[in-house]
N, C-alpha and C. Protein backbone atom coordinates (compact mmCIF):
# COMPACT_ATOMS: atom_id res chain seq x y z
N UNK A 1 116.22 98.35 78.30
CA UNK A 1 117.22 98.17 79.33
C UNK A 1 116.56 98.27 80.71
N UNK A 2 116.83 97.32 81.56
CA UNK A 2 116.25 97.28 82.89
C UNK A 2 116.90 98.32 83.79
N UNK A 3 116.10 98.91 84.67
CA UNK A 3 116.59 99.88 85.63
C UNK A 3 117.20 99.19 86.83
N UNK A 4 118.19 99.82 87.39
CA UNK A 4 118.76 99.35 88.66
C UNK A 4 118.29 100.30 89.76
N UNK A 5 118.50 99.92 91.00
CA UNK A 5 118.17 100.82 92.12
C UNK A 5 118.97 102.11 91.98
N UNK A 6 120.21 102.01 91.57
CA UNK A 6 121.03 103.20 91.37
C UNK A 6 120.38 104.14 90.35
N UNK A 7 119.89 103.58 89.24
CA UNK A 7 119.20 104.38 88.23
C UNK A 7 117.97 105.07 88.82
N UNK A 8 117.18 104.31 89.56
CA UNK A 8 115.96 104.85 90.14
C UNK A 8 116.26 105.94 91.16
N UNK A 9 117.31 105.75 91.96
CA UNK A 9 117.69 106.75 92.95
C UNK A 9 118.18 108.03 92.27
N UNK A 10 118.97 107.90 91.22
CA UNK A 10 119.45 109.07 90.49
C UNK A 10 118.28 109.85 89.90
N UNK A 11 117.32 109.15 89.34
CA UNK A 11 116.15 109.81 88.76
C UNK A 11 115.33 110.51 89.85
N UNK A 12 115.16 109.85 90.98
CA UNK A 12 114.39 110.44 92.09
C UNK A 12 115.10 111.67 92.64
N UNK A 13 116.40 111.55 92.88
CA UNK A 13 117.14 112.67 93.44
C UNK A 13 117.22 113.85 92.48
N UNK A 14 117.08 113.59 91.19
CA UNK A 14 117.11 114.67 90.20
C UNK A 14 115.84 115.51 90.23
N UNK A 15 114.73 114.95 90.70
CA UNK A 15 113.45 115.68 90.66
C UNK A 15 112.86 116.00 92.03
N UNK A 16 113.39 115.38 93.09
CA UNK A 16 112.86 115.62 94.43
C UNK A 16 113.94 116.35 95.23
N UNK A 17 113.66 117.60 95.54
CA UNK A 17 114.63 118.43 96.26
C UNK A 17 114.86 117.93 97.68
N UNK A 18 116.11 117.88 98.10
CA UNK A 18 116.47 117.50 99.47
C UNK A 18 116.42 118.75 100.32
N UNK A 19 115.78 118.67 101.47
CA UNK A 19 115.60 119.83 102.36
C UNK A 19 116.03 119.48 103.78
N UNK A 20 116.12 120.49 104.62
CA UNK A 20 116.51 120.27 106.02
C UNK A 20 115.30 120.42 106.95
N UNK A 21 115.55 120.19 108.22
CA UNK A 21 114.48 120.23 109.21
C UNK A 21 113.82 121.60 109.27
N UNK A 22 114.60 122.66 109.22
CA UNK A 22 114.04 124.01 109.29
C UNK A 22 113.06 124.25 108.14
N UNK A 23 113.43 123.81 106.94
CA UNK A 23 112.54 123.95 105.79
C UNK A 23 111.28 123.13 106.02
N UNK A 24 111.44 121.90 106.49
CA UNK A 24 110.28 121.03 106.74
C UNK A 24 109.33 121.67 107.75
N UNK A 25 109.88 122.24 108.82
CA UNK A 25 109.05 122.87 109.83
C UNK A 25 108.34 124.10 109.27
N UNK A 26 109.02 124.83 108.39
CA UNK A 26 108.40 125.99 107.76
C UNK A 26 107.23 125.54 106.88
N UNK A 27 107.43 124.49 106.10
CA UNK A 27 106.37 123.96 105.24
C UNK A 27 105.19 123.51 106.10
N UNK A 28 105.47 122.81 107.20
CA UNK A 28 104.41 122.36 108.10
C UNK A 28 103.65 123.55 108.68
N UNK A 29 104.37 124.60 109.05
CA UNK A 29 103.75 125.80 109.60
C UNK A 29 102.84 126.50 108.62
N UNK A 30 103.05 126.25 107.34
CA UNK A 30 102.22 126.85 106.30
C UNK A 30 101.17 125.86 105.77
N UNK A 31 100.92 124.79 106.53
CA UNK A 31 99.88 123.84 106.16
C UNK A 31 100.35 122.63 105.38
N UNK A 32 101.66 122.51 105.16
CA UNK A 32 102.20 121.36 104.45
C UNK A 32 102.18 120.10 105.30
N UNK A 33 102.39 118.98 104.65
CA UNK A 33 102.34 117.67 105.29
C UNK A 33 103.73 117.09 105.44
N UNK A 34 104.09 116.69 106.64
CA UNK A 34 105.30 115.91 106.88
C UNK A 34 104.87 114.45 106.87
N UNK A 35 105.43 113.67 105.97
CA UNK A 35 104.97 112.30 105.75
C UNK A 35 106.08 111.29 106.00
N UNK A 36 105.83 110.40 106.93
CA UNK A 36 106.73 109.30 107.28
C UNK A 36 106.33 108.10 106.43
N UNK A 37 107.26 107.59 105.61
CA UNK A 37 106.94 106.46 104.72
C UNK A 37 107.59 105.16 105.19
N UNK A 38 108.04 105.12 106.44
CA UNK A 38 108.64 103.90 106.96
C UNK A 38 107.57 102.86 107.27
N UNK A 39 108.01 101.64 107.54
CA UNK A 39 107.10 100.56 107.93
C UNK A 39 106.64 100.76 109.37
N UNK A 40 105.51 100.17 109.71
CA UNK A 40 104.95 100.31 111.06
C UNK A 40 105.93 99.84 112.14
N UNK A 41 106.66 98.79 111.87
CA UNK A 41 107.63 98.27 112.84
C UNK A 41 108.67 99.34 113.18
N UNK A 42 109.10 100.07 112.18
CA UNK A 42 110.08 101.14 112.40
C UNK A 42 109.51 102.23 113.29
N UNK A 43 108.26 102.58 113.10
CA UNK A 43 107.62 103.58 113.95
C UNK A 43 107.55 103.11 115.39
N UNK A 44 107.20 101.84 115.56
CA UNK A 44 107.12 101.28 116.92
C UNK A 44 108.48 101.31 117.61
N UNK A 45 109.54 101.10 116.86
CA UNK A 45 110.88 101.05 117.43
C UNK A 45 111.44 102.43 117.76
N UNK A 46 111.17 103.41 116.91
CA UNK A 46 111.85 104.70 117.09
C UNK A 46 110.92 105.91 117.16
N UNK A 47 109.62 105.71 117.09
CA UNK A 47 108.69 106.84 117.09
C UNK A 47 108.69 107.54 115.75
N UNK A 48 108.03 108.69 115.71
CA UNK A 48 107.96 109.46 114.48
C UNK A 48 108.17 110.93 114.78
N UNK A 49 108.52 111.67 113.75
CA UNK A 49 108.68 113.11 113.91
C UNK A 49 107.36 113.69 114.42
N UNK A 50 107.45 114.54 115.41
CA UNK A 50 106.25 115.15 115.97
C UNK A 50 105.51 115.92 114.87
N UNK A 51 104.23 115.59 114.73
CA UNK A 51 103.40 116.22 113.71
C UNK A 51 103.35 115.49 112.39
N UNK A 52 104.12 114.40 112.26
CA UNK A 52 104.17 113.66 111.00
C UNK A 52 102.95 112.76 110.84
N UNK A 53 102.56 112.59 109.62
CA UNK A 53 101.51 111.65 109.22
C UNK A 53 102.22 110.39 108.70
N UNK A 54 101.62 109.24 108.85
CA UNK A 54 102.28 108.01 108.43
C UNK A 54 101.49 107.31 107.32
N UNK A 55 102.18 107.01 106.24
CA UNK A 55 101.68 106.12 105.19
C UNK A 55 102.88 105.28 104.77
N UNK A 56 102.83 103.96 104.96
CA UNK A 56 103.97 103.13 104.55
C UNK A 56 104.23 103.27 103.05
N UNK A 57 105.49 103.24 102.68
CA UNK A 57 105.87 103.34 101.27
C UNK A 57 105.11 102.33 100.42
N UNK A 58 104.87 101.16 100.97
CA UNK A 58 104.21 100.09 100.22
C UNK A 58 102.76 100.40 99.88
N UNK A 59 102.16 101.39 100.55
CA UNK A 59 100.75 101.73 100.32
C UNK A 59 100.58 103.10 99.68
N UNK A 60 101.67 103.79 99.39
CA UNK A 60 101.58 105.18 98.98
C UNK A 60 100.74 105.40 97.72
N UNK A 61 100.93 104.59 96.71
CA UNK A 61 100.17 104.76 95.47
C UNK A 61 98.67 104.71 95.73
N UNK A 62 98.26 103.81 96.59
CA UNK A 62 96.84 103.60 96.87
C UNK A 62 96.26 104.71 97.74
N UNK A 63 97.09 105.32 98.57
CA UNK A 63 96.65 106.43 99.43
C UNK A 63 96.71 107.77 98.69
N UNK A 64 97.58 107.87 97.68
CA UNK A 64 97.77 109.13 96.97
C UNK A 64 96.80 109.34 95.82
N UNK A 65 96.18 108.30 95.33
CA UNK A 65 95.27 108.39 94.19
C UNK A 65 93.87 108.75 94.68
N UNK A 66 93.47 109.99 94.40
CA UNK A 66 92.18 110.45 94.94
C UNK A 66 90.97 109.86 94.22
N UNK A 67 91.19 109.00 93.24
CA UNK A 67 90.06 108.33 92.59
C UNK A 67 89.73 107.00 93.27
N UNK A 68 90.52 106.61 94.26
CA UNK A 68 90.32 105.32 94.94
C UNK A 68 89.67 105.52 96.31
N UNK A 69 88.95 104.51 96.77
CA UNK A 69 88.36 104.53 98.11
C UNK A 69 89.44 104.59 99.18
N UNK A 70 90.61 104.05 98.88
CA UNK A 70 91.71 104.00 99.85
C UNK A 70 92.47 105.32 99.95
N UNK A 71 92.05 106.34 99.19
CA UNK A 71 92.75 107.63 99.22
C UNK A 71 92.78 108.21 100.63
N UNK A 72 93.94 108.74 101.00
CA UNK A 72 94.11 109.41 102.29
C UNK A 72 93.89 110.91 102.06
N UNK A 73 92.88 111.50 102.70
CA UNK A 73 92.58 112.91 102.45
C UNK A 73 93.69 113.87 102.90
N UNK A 74 94.64 113.40 103.66
CA UNK A 74 95.77 114.25 104.02
C UNK A 74 96.64 114.55 102.80
N UNK A 75 96.60 113.68 101.81
CA UNK A 75 97.35 113.89 100.58
C UNK A 75 96.49 114.63 99.57
N UNK A 76 96.93 115.84 99.25
CA UNK A 76 96.24 116.65 98.26
C UNK A 76 97.30 117.24 97.32
N UNK A 77 96.99 117.29 96.07
CA UNK A 77 97.97 117.76 95.08
C UNK A 77 98.32 119.23 95.26
N UNK A 78 97.47 119.99 95.94
CA UNK A 78 97.75 121.40 96.17
C UNK A 78 98.46 121.64 97.51
N UNK A 79 98.82 120.58 98.21
CA UNK A 79 99.46 120.69 99.52
C UNK A 79 100.91 120.22 99.42
N UNK A 80 101.86 121.03 99.89
CA UNK A 80 103.26 120.58 99.89
C UNK A 80 103.44 119.35 100.78
N UNK A 81 104.31 118.44 100.34
CA UNK A 81 104.58 117.22 101.09
C UNK A 81 106.09 117.09 101.29
N UNK A 82 106.50 116.93 102.54
CA UNK A 82 107.89 116.65 102.88
C UNK A 82 107.94 115.23 103.39
N UNK A 83 108.73 114.39 102.73
CA UNK A 83 108.81 112.98 103.09
C UNK A 83 110.09 112.65 103.83
N UNK A 84 110.01 111.64 104.67
CA UNK A 84 111.22 111.07 105.28
C UNK A 84 111.02 109.59 105.52
N UNK A 85 112.13 108.89 105.66
CA UNK A 85 112.12 107.46 105.95
C UNK A 85 113.21 107.22 106.99
N UNK A 86 113.97 106.16 106.85
CA UNK A 86 115.06 105.88 107.80
C UNK A 86 116.35 106.58 107.38
N UNK A 87 116.63 106.60 106.08
CA UNK A 87 117.89 107.19 105.62
C UNK A 87 117.72 108.13 104.43
N UNK A 88 116.58 108.15 103.78
CA UNK A 88 116.33 109.05 102.67
C UNK A 88 116.05 108.39 101.34
N UNK A 89 116.41 107.12 101.20
CA UNK A 89 116.20 106.43 99.93
C UNK A 89 114.74 106.23 99.58
N UNK A 90 114.00 105.67 100.50
CA UNK A 90 112.57 105.45 100.25
C UNK A 90 111.83 106.77 100.10
N UNK A 91 112.26 107.78 100.86
CA UNK A 91 111.63 109.10 100.76
C UNK A 91 111.84 109.68 99.36
N UNK A 92 113.04 109.52 98.81
CA UNK A 92 113.31 110.01 97.46
C UNK A 92 112.44 109.29 96.44
N UNK A 93 112.39 107.97 96.53
CA UNK A 93 111.58 107.18 95.59
C UNK A 93 110.10 107.51 95.74
N UNK A 94 109.65 107.68 96.98
CA UNK A 94 108.26 108.04 97.23
C UNK A 94 107.96 109.43 96.68
N UNK A 95 108.91 110.33 96.82
CA UNK A 95 108.73 111.67 96.29
C UNK A 95 108.60 111.68 94.78
N UNK A 96 109.42 110.90 94.12
CA UNK A 96 109.32 110.81 92.65
C UNK A 96 107.97 110.22 92.26
N UNK A 97 107.53 109.21 92.98
CA UNK A 97 106.22 108.63 92.71
C UNK A 97 105.13 109.68 92.81
N UNK A 98 105.15 110.47 93.88
CA UNK A 98 104.13 111.50 94.05
C UNK A 98 104.20 112.53 92.91
N UNK A 99 105.41 112.91 92.53
CA UNK A 99 105.55 113.84 91.40
C UNK A 99 104.99 113.22 90.13
N UNK A 100 105.26 111.95 89.90
CA UNK A 100 104.72 111.26 88.73
C UNK A 100 103.19 111.22 88.76
N UNK A 101 102.61 111.27 89.96
CA UNK A 101 101.16 111.23 90.11
C UNK A 101 100.54 112.62 90.09
N UNK A 102 101.36 113.66 89.88
CA UNK A 102 100.82 115.01 89.76
C UNK A 102 100.99 115.91 90.96
N UNK A 103 101.61 115.42 92.01
CA UNK A 103 101.91 116.27 93.16
C UNK A 103 103.11 117.14 92.78
N UNK A 104 102.98 118.45 92.97
CA UNK A 104 104.01 119.35 92.47
C UNK A 104 105.07 119.70 93.50
N UNK A 105 104.66 120.03 94.71
CA UNK A 105 105.59 120.49 95.73
C UNK A 105 105.91 119.34 96.69
N UNK A 106 106.94 118.59 96.32
CA UNK A 106 107.33 117.39 97.05
C UNK A 106 108.81 117.50 97.38
N UNK A 107 109.15 117.19 98.65
CA UNK A 107 110.52 117.36 99.12
C UNK A 107 110.97 116.14 99.92
N UNK A 108 112.27 115.92 99.95
CA UNK A 108 112.86 114.80 100.69
C UNK A 108 113.67 115.36 101.85
N UNK A 109 113.22 115.07 103.06
CA UNK A 109 113.94 115.46 104.28
C UNK A 109 115.10 114.52 104.56
N UNK A 110 115.00 113.30 104.06
CA UNK A 110 116.02 112.28 104.34
C UNK A 110 115.48 111.26 105.32
N UNK A 111 116.20 111.09 106.43
CA UNK A 111 115.81 110.12 107.43
C UNK A 111 115.35 110.77 108.72
N UNK A 112 114.78 109.96 109.59
CA UNK A 112 114.34 110.46 110.90
C UNK A 112 115.51 111.10 111.65
N UNK A 113 116.71 110.54 111.50
CA UNK A 113 117.87 111.12 112.17
C UNK A 113 118.16 112.53 111.65
N UNK A 114 117.87 112.81 110.39
CA UNK A 114 118.06 114.16 109.86
C UNK A 114 117.10 115.14 110.55
N UNK A 115 115.88 114.69 110.78
CA UNK A 115 114.90 115.49 111.50
C UNK A 115 115.41 115.79 112.92
N UNK A 116 115.86 114.76 113.61
CA UNK A 116 116.33 114.92 114.99
C UNK A 116 117.59 115.79 115.04
N UNK A 117 118.55 115.52 114.14
CA UNK A 117 119.79 116.30 114.13
C UNK A 117 119.54 117.77 113.80
N UNK A 118 118.43 118.06 113.15
CA UNK A 118 118.06 119.44 112.83
C UNK A 118 117.23 120.10 113.93
N UNK A 119 117.06 119.39 115.05
CA UNK A 119 116.32 119.95 116.17
C UNK A 119 114.87 119.57 116.26
N UNK A 120 114.42 118.67 115.38
CA UNK A 120 113.03 118.23 115.42
C UNK A 120 112.77 117.25 116.55
N UNK A 121 111.58 117.28 117.07
CA UNK A 121 111.20 116.39 118.16
C UNK A 121 110.58 115.11 117.62
N UNK A 122 110.64 114.06 118.45
CA UNK A 122 110.09 112.76 118.11
C UNK A 122 109.04 112.40 119.15
N UNK A 123 107.93 111.83 118.70
CA UNK A 123 106.89 111.35 119.60
C UNK A 123 106.60 109.89 119.31
N UNK A 124 105.94 109.25 120.25
CA UNK A 124 105.65 107.82 120.11
C UNK A 124 104.60 107.57 119.07
């Protein structure tokens, strides 16, 4: 049976905990990574959460696999990762992907607006 987006979202939301800005800031303060998975155009239009690292969702598998030359050293399986996108959907799917790849402490902040509404700052 083929999966639908609804199926994939339900599976992702079942394994990737949704968190708020205060939790994300606490994780960052303890050495965790805040990861923006939006497209570059979105970053140009609205900036990014201050302190966030950027890897587009479309490249995440290639940046997360430490056996590849394209691995991003900011991604480590022993480092907590808090993801966000525009509304939370891509962050949830990206979080499930990271969990499937062996990352244990992965969280979904939701969208950039959730960061801002929680008092987080945005930079260019």
